[in-house]
């Protein structure tokens, strides 16, 4: 009986570790496009049925130039080797998300919004930095005047 339980536990551990390895291994990131060519009205059980992996000639060359920017902005873990981007396999399970990143990488509208938000963030950051500098300068002045008073008081107590 103990052998059977041990066998079952080891089997579950091996299956879990194989699944964990499979989901977290790095695979090549491929662009995703809608699968419209064979589209017939049907019941869709999974969103992934609406998309397919694109061939290199089906996507704008700007995708390959801009995808790192999109992945960095979305905080997606990736590895780049020899100009090829690799992501975790579990990332590719959500083809809707990968399609979203593909359209962002080729969209001028997305980059215009990024430029606008960066400029707004820069304005707020500059205001924050300026207010922080002013606070620090006032603190430094206060410390300086307090230390001068302290030293003068120490001299007066000594006399």
C-alpha atoms as a PDB file:
ATOM      1  CA  UNK A   1       0.000   0.000   0.000  1.00  0.00           C
ATOM      2  CA  UNK A   2       2.818   2.410   0.851  1.00  0.00           C
ATOM      3  CA  UNK A   3       4.520   1.628  -2.443  1.00  0.00           C
ATOM      4  CA  UNK A   4       1.360   2.534  -4.375  1.00  0.00           C
ATOM      5  CA  UNK A   5       0.996   5.838  -2.545  1.00  0.00           C
ATOM      6  CA  UNK A   6       4.665   6.632  -3.079  1.00  0.00           C
ATOM      7  CA  UNK A   7       4.355   5.731  -6.765  1.00  0.00           C
ATOM      8  CA  UNK A   8       1.309   8.020  -7.174  1.00  0.00           C
ATOM      9  CA  UNK A   9       3.052  10.918  -5.384  1.00  0.00           C
ATOM     10  CA  UNK A  10       6.182  10.555  -7.511  1.00  0.00           C
ATOM     11  CA  UNK A  11       4.061  10.407 -10.662  1.00  0.00           C
ATOM     12  CA  UNK A  12       2.212  13.595  -9.696  1.00  0.00           C
ATOM     13  CA  UNK A  13       5.508  15.326  -8.877  1.00  0.00           C
ATOM     14  CA  UNK A  14       6.984  14.334 -12.239  1.00  0.00           C
ATOM     15  CA  UNK A  15       3.854  15.442 -14.134  1.00  0.00           C
ATOM     16  CA  UNK A  16       3.774  18.757 -12.280  1.00  0.00           C
ATOM     17  CA  UNK A  17       7.462  19.439 -12.937  1.00  0.00           C
ATOM     18  CA  UNK A  18       7.047  18.545 -16.628  1.00  0.00           C
ATOM     19  CA  UNK A  19       4.062  20.899 -16.895  1.00  0.00           C
ATOM     20  CA  UNK A  20       5.958  23.655 -15.062  1.00  0.00           C
ATOM     21  CA  UNK A  21       8.940  23.232 -17.401  1.00  0.00           C
ATOM     22  CA  UNK A  22       6.693  23.210 -20.474  1.00  0.00           C
ATOM     23  CA  UNK A  23       4.905  26.450 -19.508  1.00  0.00           C
ATOM     24  CA  UNK A  24       8.052  28.348 -18.462  1.00  0.00           C
ATOM     25  CA  UNK A  25      10.412  27.382 -21.261  1.00  0.00           C
ATOM     26  CA  UNK A  26      11.354  30.115 -23.721  1.00  0.00           C
ATOM     27  CA  UNK A  27       9.984  29.859 -27.251  1.00  0.00           C
ATOM     28  CA  UNK A  28      10.270  32.181 -30.222  1.00  0.00           C
ATOM     29  CA  UNK A  29       7.788  35.042 -30.251  1.00  0.00           C
ATOM     30  CA  UNK A  30       5.771  35.034 -33.451  1.00  0.00           C
ATOM     31  CA  UNK A  31       3.320  37.722 -34.508  1.00  0.00           C
ATOM     32  CA  UNK A  32      -0.371  36.872 -34.365  1.00  0.00           C
ATOM     33  CA  UNK A  33      -3.023  37.991 -36.840  1.00  0.00           C
ATOM     34  CA  UNK A  34      -6.758  37.326 -37.127  1.00  0.00           C
ATOM     35  CA  UNK A  35      -7.608  34.073 -38.911  1.00  0.00           C
ATOM     36  CA  UNK A  36     -10.073  35.538 -41.391  1.00  0.00           C
ATOM     37  CA  UNK A  37      -9.306  33.536 -44.505  1.00  0.00           C
ATOM     38  CA  UNK A  38     -11.290  30.428 -43.531  1.00  0.00           C
ATOM     39  CA  UNK A  39     -13.726  32.222 -41.263  1.00  0.00           C
ATOM     40  CA  UNK A  40     -17.213  30.807 -41.212  1.00  0.00           C
ATOM     41  CA  UNK A  41     -19.796  31.688 -38.641  1.00  0.00           C
ATOM     42  CA  UNK A  42     -19.429  29.112 -35.905  1.00  0.00           C
ATOM     43  CA  UNK A  43     -19.595  28.718 -32.189  1.00  0.00           C
ATOM     44  CA  UNK A  44     -16.291  29.809 -30.704  1.00  0.00           C
ATOM     45  CA  UNK A  45     -15.267  28.096 -27.516  1.00  0.00           C
ATOM     46  CA  UNK A  46     -11.802  29.637 -27.259  1.00  0.00           C
ATOM     47  CA  UNK A  47     -10.511  33.045 -28.323  1.00  0.00           C
ATOM     48  CA  UNK A  48      -7.429  31.378 -29.763  1.00  0.00           C
ATOM     49  CA  UNK A  49      -9.580  29.957 -32.594  1.00  0.00           C
ATOM     50  CA  UNK A  50      -9.932  33.493 -33.961  1.00  0.00           C
ATOM     51  CA  UNK A  51      -6.174  33.996 -34.444  1.00  0.00           C
ATOM     52  CA  UNK A  52      -3.229  32.379 -36.154  1.00  0.00           C
ATOM     53  CA  UNK A  53       0.527  32.794 -36.097  1.00  0.00           C
ATOM     54  CA  UNK A  54       1.637  35.028 -38.950  1.00  0.00           C
ATOM     55  CA  UNK A  55       4.301  34.265 -41.468  1.00  0.00           C
ATOM     56  CA  UNK A  56       7.115  36.839 -41.717  1.00  0.00           C
ATOM     57  CA  UNK A  57       5.699  38.300 -44.965  1.00  0.00           C
ATOM     58  CA  UNK A  58       2.220  38.794 -43.431  1.00  0.00           C
ATOM     59  CA  UNK A  59       3.365  41.407 -40.906  1.00  0.00           C
ATOM     60  CA  UNK A  60       4.877  44.844 -41.411  1.00  0.00           C
ATOM     61  CA  UNK A  61       8.674  45.007 -40.972  1.00  0.00           C
ATOM     62  CA  UNK A  62       8.111  47.659 -38.303  1.00  0.00           C
ATOM     63  CA  UNK A  63       6.771  44.894 -36.051  1.00  0.00           C
ATOM     64  CA  UNK A  64      10.235  43.377 -35.702  1.00  0.00           C
ATOM     65  CA  UNK A  65      11.726  46.787 -34.930  1.00  0.00           C
ATOM     66  CA  UNK A  66       9.108  47.885 -32.391  1.00  0.00           C
ATOM     67  CA  UNK A  67       8.100  44.727 -30.546  1.00  0.00           C
ATOM     68  CA  UNK A  68      10.834  45.109 -27.900  1.00  0.00           C
ATOM     69  CA  UNK A  69       9.471  48.568 -27.034  1.00  0.00           C
ATOM     70  CA  UNK A  70       5.964  47.141 -26.606  1.00  0.00           C
ATOM     71  CA  UNK A  71       7.174  44.205 -24.504  1.00  0.00           C
ATOM     72  CA  UNK A  72       9.258  46.492 -22.290  1.00  0.00           C
ATOM     73  CA  UNK A  73       6.308  48.834 -21.818  1.00  0.00           C
ATOM     74  CA  UNK A  74       4.091  45.894 -20.891  1.00  0.00           C
ATOM     75  CA  UNK A  75       6.725  44.400 -18.568  1.00  0.00           C
ATOM     76  CA  UNK A  76       6.840  41.051 -20.339  1.00  0.00           C
ATOM     77  CA  UNK A  77       9.860  38.848 -19.644  1.00  0.00           C
ATOM     78  CA  UNK A  78      11.732  38.077 -22.828  1.00  0.00           C
ATOM     79  CA  UNK A  79      15.174  37.050 -23.989  1.00  0.00           C
ATOM     80  CA  UNK A  80      16.810  38.214 -27.196  1.00  0.00           C
ATOM     81  CA  UNK A  81      19.344  35.981 -28.919  1.00  0.00           C
ATOM     82  CA  UNK A  82      20.756  36.729 -32.360  1.00  0.00           C
ATOM     83  CA  UNK A  83      17.976  39.237 -33.034  1.00  0.00           C
ATOM     84  CA  UNK A  84      15.219  36.724 -32.232  1.00  0.00           C
ATOM     85  CA  UNK A  85      12.961  37.387 -29.272  1.00  0.00           C
ATOM     86  CA  UNK A  86      12.001  34.497 -27.014  1.00  0.00           C
ATOM     87  CA  UNK A  87       9.139  34.621 -24.499  1.00  0.00           C
ATOM     88  CA  UNK A  88       7.793  32.094 -22.045  1.00  0.00           C
ATOM     89  CA  UNK A  89       5.496  29.497 -23.582  1.00  0.00           C
ATOM     90  CA  UNK A  90       2.636  30.400 -21.226  1.00  0.00           C
ATOM     91  CA  UNK A  91       2.668  33.908 -22.746  1.00  0.00           C
ATOM     92  CA  UNK A  92       1.822  32.473 -26.158  1.00  0.00           C
ATOM     93  CA  UNK A  93      -1.200  30.610 -24.761  1.00  0.00           C
ATOM     94  CA  UNK A  94      -3.173  33.869 -24.846  1.00  0.00           C
ATOM     95  CA  UNK A  95      -3.190  34.635 -28.569  1.00  0.00           C
ATOM     96  CA  UNK A  96      -5.544  37.579 -28.038  1.00  0.00           C
ATOM     97  CA  UNK A  97      -2.886  39.254 -25.893  1.00  0.00           C
ATOM     98  CA  UNK A  98      -0.125  38.506 -28.410  1.00  0.00           C
ATOM     99  CA  UNK A  99      -2.352  39.897 -31.187  1.00  0.00           C
ATOM    100  CA  UNK A 100      -2.781  43.044 -29.094  1.00  0.00           C
ATOM    101  CA  UNK A 101       1.011  43.400 -28.832  1.00  0.00           C
ATOM    102  CA  UNK A 102       1.359  42.744 -32.573  1.00  0.00           C
ATOM    103  CA  UNK A 103      -1.090  45.529 -33.429  1.00  0.00           C
ATOM    104  CA  UNK A 104       0.585  47.877 -30.956  1.00  0.00           C
ATOM    105  CA  UNK A 105       3.987  47.287 -32.540  1.00  0.00           C
ATOM    106  CA  UNK A 106       2.654  48.290 -35.965  1.00  0.00           C
ATOM    107  CA  UNK A 107       0.294  51.086 -34.881  1.00  0.00           C
ATOM    108  CA  UNK A 108       1.185  54.762 -35.259  1.00  0.00           C
ATOM    109  CA  UNK A 109      -1.725  55.655 -32.993  1.00  0.00           C
ATOM    110  CA  UNK A 110      -0.215  53.648 -30.119  1.00  0.00           C
ATOM    111  CA  UNK A 111       3.153  55.373 -30.424  1.00  0.00           C
ATOM    112  CA  UNK A 112       1.522  58.806 -30.632  1.00  0.00           C
ATOM    113  CA  UNK A 113      -0.323  58.044 -27.394  1.00  0.00           C
ATOM    114  CA  UNK A 114       2.933  56.841 -25.835  1.00  0.00           C
ATOM    115  CA  UNK A 115       4.655  60.060 -26.881  1.00  0.00           C
ATOM    116  CA  UNK A 116       1.821  62.140 -25.421  1.00  0.00           C
ATOM    117  CA  UNK A 117       1.749  60.224 -22.135  1.00  0.00           C
ATOM    118  CA  UNK A 118       5.537  60.463 -21.849  1.00  0.00           C
ATOM    119  CA  UNK A 119       5.402  64.224 -22.290  1.00  0.00           C
ATOM    120  CA  UNK A 120       2.633  64.508 -19.685  1.00  0.00           C
ATOM    121  CA  UNK A 121       4.587  62.255 -17.323  1.00  0.00           C
ATOM    122  CA  UNK A 122       7.681  64.383 -17.917  1.00  0.00           C
ATOM    123  CA  UNK A 123       5.773  67.543 -16.992  1.00  0.00           C
ATOM    124  CA  UNK A 124       4.521  65.958 -13.767  1.00  0.00           C
ATOM    125  CA  UNK A 125       7.945  64.504 -13.045  1.00  0.00           C
ATOM    126  CA  UNK A 126       9.611  67.888 -13.554  1.00  0.00           C
ATOM    127  CA  UNK A 127       7.071  69.541 -11.255  1.00  0.00           C
ATOM    128  CA  UNK A 128       7.643  66.828  -8.663  1.00  0.00           C
ATOM    129  CA  UNK A 129      11.421  67.124  -8.916  1.00  0.00           C
ATOM    130  CA  UNK A 130      11.243  70.925  -8.660  1.00  0.00           C
ATOM    131  CA  UNK A 131       9.003  70.791  -5.593  1.00  0.00           C
ATOM    132  CA  UNK A 132      11.259  68.162  -4.043  1.00  0.00           C
ATOM    133  CA  UNK A 133      14.354  70.289  -4.726  1.00  0.00           C
ATOM    134  CA  UNK A 134      12.676  73.256  -3.051  1.00  0.00           C
ATOM    135  CA  UNK A 135      11.793  71.155  -0.010  1.00  0.00           C
ATOM    136  CA  UNK A 136      15.329  69.799   0.246  1.00  0.00           C
ATOM    137  CA  UNK A 137      16.837  73.280  -0.100  1.00  0.00           C
ATOM    138  CA  UNK A 138      14.583  74.615   2.673  1.00  0.00           C
ATOM    139  CA  UNK A 139      15.515  71.656   4.883  1.00  0.00           C
ATOM    140  CA  UNK A 140      19.205  72.277   4.225  1.00  0.00           C
ATOM    141  CA  UNK A 141      18.801  75.966   5.094  1.00  0.00           C
ATOM    142  CA  UNK A 142      16.996  75.037   8.297  1.00  0.00           C
ATOM    143  CA  UNK A 143      19.708  72.558   9.254  1.00  0.00           C
ATOM    144  CA  UNK A 144      22.407  75.125   8.532  1.00  0.00           C
ATOM    145  CA  UNK A 145      20.760  77.864  10.614  1.00  0.00           C
ATOM    146  CA  UNK A 146      19.998  75.412  13.432  1.00  0.00           C
ATOM    147  CA  UNK A 147      23.593  74.179  13.527  1.00  0.00           C
ATOM    148  CA  UNK A 148      24.902  77.767  13.562  1.00  0.00           C
ATOM    149  CA  UNK A 149      22.563  78.602  16.470  1.00  0.00           C
ATOM    150  CA  UNK A 150      23.557  75.413  18.265  1.00  0.00           C
ATOM    151  CA  UNK A 151      27.273  76.208  17.965  1.00  0.00           C
ATOM    152  CA  UNK A 152      26.706  79.803  19.107  1.00  0.00           C
ATOM    153  CA  UNK A 153      24.708  78.557  22.095  1.00  0.00           C
ATOM    154  CA  UNK A 154      27.517  76.115  22.950  1.00  0.00           C
ATOM    155  CA  UNK A 155      30.069  78.961  22.827  1.00  0.00           C
ATOM    156  CA  UNK A 156      27.880  81.180  25.003  1.00  0.00           C
ATOM    157  CA  UNK A 157      27.420  78.381  27.578  1.00  0.00           C
ATOM    158  CA  UNK A 158      31.187  77.848  27.643  1.00  0.00           C
ATOM    159  CA  UNK A 159      31.888  81.545  28.465  1.00  0.00           C
END
